[in-house]
Protein backbone atom coordinates (compact mmCIF):
# COMPACT_ATOMS: atom_id res chain seq x y z
CA UNK A 1 -33.65 39.88 137.70
CA UNK A 2 -35.20 37.15 139.79
CA UNK A 3 -36.44 33.78 138.50
CA UNK A 4 -39.92 35.08 137.64
CA UNK A 5 -38.39 37.82 135.48
CA UNK A 6 -35.97 35.32 133.94
CA UNK A 7 -38.92 33.06 132.99
CA UNK A 8 -40.20 35.87 130.76
CA UNK A 9 -36.99 35.53 128.73
CA UNK A 10 -35.91 31.87 128.93
CA UNK A 11 -38.09 28.90 127.93
CA UNK A 12 -36.62 26.71 130.73
CA UNK A 13 -38.92 25.56 133.53
CA UNK A 14 -39.05 23.30 136.56
CA UNK A 15 -35.75 21.51 137.09
CA UNK A 16 -34.03 22.97 134.02
CA UNK A 17 -34.16 26.64 134.98
CA UNK A 18 -30.76 26.71 136.65
CA UNK A 19 -30.12 30.38 137.43
CA UNK A 20 -31.57 32.06 140.49
CA UNK A 21 -30.87 35.61 139.42
CA UNK A 22 -29.01 37.60 136.78
CA UNK A 23 -27.95 41.20 136.37
CA UNK A 24 -26.98 42.86 133.09
CA UNK A 25 -24.31 45.56 133.28
CA UNK A 26 -22.18 46.97 130.46
CA UNK A 27 -23.07 44.10 128.07
CA UNK A 28 -22.07 41.49 130.65
CA UNK A 29 -24.42 38.99 132.31
CA UNK A 30 -23.72 38.32 135.98
CA UNK A 31 -25.69 35.30 137.11
CA UNK A 32 -26.00 33.35 140.36
CA UNK A 33 -27.02 29.84 141.27
CA UNK A 34 -26.90 28.68 144.89
CA UNK A 35 -26.55 24.92 145.05
CA UNK A 36 -29.12 23.33 147.36
CA UNK A 37 -28.84 19.88 148.88
CA UNK A 38 -31.95 18.67 147.02
CA UNK A 39 -30.73 19.42 143.47
CA UNK A 40 -31.75 16.64 141.06
CA UNK A 41 -28.32 16.52 139.44
CA UNK A 42 -26.57 15.71 142.75
CA UNK A 43 -28.52 12.52 143.49
CA UNK A 44 -26.02 10.25 141.75
CA UNK A 45 -23.05 12.58 141.26
CA UNK A 46 -21.40 11.41 143.54
CA UNK A 47 -22.92 9.56 146.53
CA UNK A 48 -21.13 10.69 149.68
CA UNK A 49 -19.34 13.48 147.79
CA UNK A 50 -21.90 15.53 145.84
CA UNK A 51 -20.26 17.60 143.11
CA UNK A 52 -22.12 19.67 140.49
CA UNK A 53 -21.56 17.99 137.09
CA UNK A 54 -19.58 19.97 134.54
CA UNK A 55 -22.41 19.85 132.03
CA UNK A 56 -24.66 21.59 134.57
CA UNK A 57 -22.05 24.31 135.10
CA UNK A 58 -21.97 24.83 131.32
CA UNK A 59 -25.78 25.05 131.24
CA UNK A 60 -25.75 27.66 134.03
CA UNK A 61 -23.24 29.71 132.01
CA UNK A 62 -25.39 29.32 128.88
CA UNK A 63 -28.58 30.40 130.63
CA UNK A 64 -26.85 33.51 131.99
CA UNK A 65 -25.70 34.31 128.45
CA UNK A 66 -29.18 33.78 127.02
CA UNK A 67 -30.53 36.48 129.31
CA UNK A 68 -27.89 38.78 127.78
CA UNK A 69 -28.89 37.54 124.31
CA UNK A 70 -32.48 38.54 125.03
CA UNK A 71 -31.62 42.09 124.00
CA UNK A 72 -30.76 40.68 120.55
CA UNK A 73 -33.75 38.36 120.22
CA UNK A 74 -37.13 38.84 118.62
CA UNK A 75 -40.04 37.71 120.78
CA UNK A 76 -40.65 34.43 118.95
CA UNK A 77 -37.07 33.14 118.95
CA UNK A 78 -35.49 30.37 121.03
CA UNK A 79 -31.71 30.23 121.60
CA UNK A 80 -30.23 26.77 120.99
CA UNK A 81 -26.74 25.68 122.01
CA UNK A 82 -24.67 25.00 118.87
CA UNK A 83 -21.22 24.52 120.34
CA UNK A 84 -18.90 24.40 123.34
CA UNK A 85 -15.19 25.05 123.00
CA UNK A 86 -12.22 25.38 125.32
CA UNK A 87 -14.21 24.15 128.32
CA UNK A 88 -12.12 23.95 131.46
CA UNK A 89 -13.09 22.84 134.95
CA UNK A 90 -10.74 24.14 137.63
CA UNK A 91 -12.46 23.56 140.98
CA UNK A 92 -15.49 21.56 142.09
CA UNK A 93 -18.80 23.17 143.05
CA UNK A 94 -20.56 21.71 146.11
CA UNK A 95 -23.77 21.99 148.11
CA UNK A 96 -24.09 25.45 149.65
CA UNK A 97 -21.83 27.11 147.09
CA UNK A 98 -23.06 30.08 145.07
CA UNK A 99 -21.82 29.68 141.52
CA UNK A 100 -21.41 33.18 140.07
CA UNK A 101 -21.21 33.66 136.31
CA UNK A 102 -19.76 36.40 134.15
CA UNK A 103 -20.65 36.03 130.46
CA UNK A 104 -20.11 38.21 127.40
CA UNK A 105 -21.10 38.05 123.76
CA UNK A 106 -18.03 38.01 121.54
CA UNK A 107 -19.49 38.11 118.02
CA UNK A 108 -22.50 37.34 115.89
CA UNK A 109 -23.27 36.51 112.29
CA UNK A 110 -26.90 36.41 111.28
CA UNK A 111 -28.75 34.09 113.63
CA UNK A 112 -25.52 32.76 115.23
CA UNK A 113 -23.96 34.23 118.37
CA UNK A 114 -20.71 33.40 120.15
CA UNK A 115 -19.95 34.05 123.79
CA UNK A 116 -17.48 33.35 126.54
CA UNK A 117 -18.07 32.88 130.20
CA UNK A 118 -16.60 31.91 133.50
CA UNK A 119 -18.05 30.74 136.77
CA UNK A 120 -16.56 31.21 140.22
CA UNK A 121 -17.30 30.36 143.84
CA UNK A 122 -16.03 32.93 146.34
CA UNK A 123 -13.87 34.45 143.61
CA UNK A 124 -12.21 31.11 142.80
CA UNK A 125 -12.50 30.05 139.14
CA UNK A 126 -14.45 26.79 138.77
CA UNK A 127 -15.37 26.65 135.07
CA UNK A 128 -14.78 28.58 131.87
CA UNK A 129 -15.92 28.06 128.29
CA UNK A 130 -16.58 29.54 124.89
CA UNK A 131 -19.96 28.67 123.41
CA UNK A 132 -22.26 29.44 120.54
CA UNK A 133 -26.00 29.67 119.96
CA UNK A 134 -28.43 29.79 117.09
CA UNK A 135 -31.53 31.92 117.47
CA UNK A 136 -34.31 29.81 115.93
CA UNK A 137 -37.85 30.98 115.20
CA UNK A 138 -40.47 29.13 117.25
């Protein structure tokens, strides 16, 4: 899926749509985000040594997962983050890197879904987390 196809699933637009593409295989979401030099989140983080903030890496993981969640969602539902657990940052992500995600749903109960994900650059683990969402009617 490219960004135009992703926009049919996710409500994010403009600067907040943070995944370039995603592929669903065997109930796993594989997403990609290539970090450009003009990214808004790099302007002050950190001057002279731009590093993608951890919160942005978590959002990229979440957006990849929400594409996977789309198979569980009714048309008029928005997924909202409800929690982040066991977040770990192992290696920094820089300009020119392609952050590749691998996210899976682990359980659900009613409108709540739990997932886990990891993000790597060139096969090297950069971030991992467990997170949850609530699917809320619009």
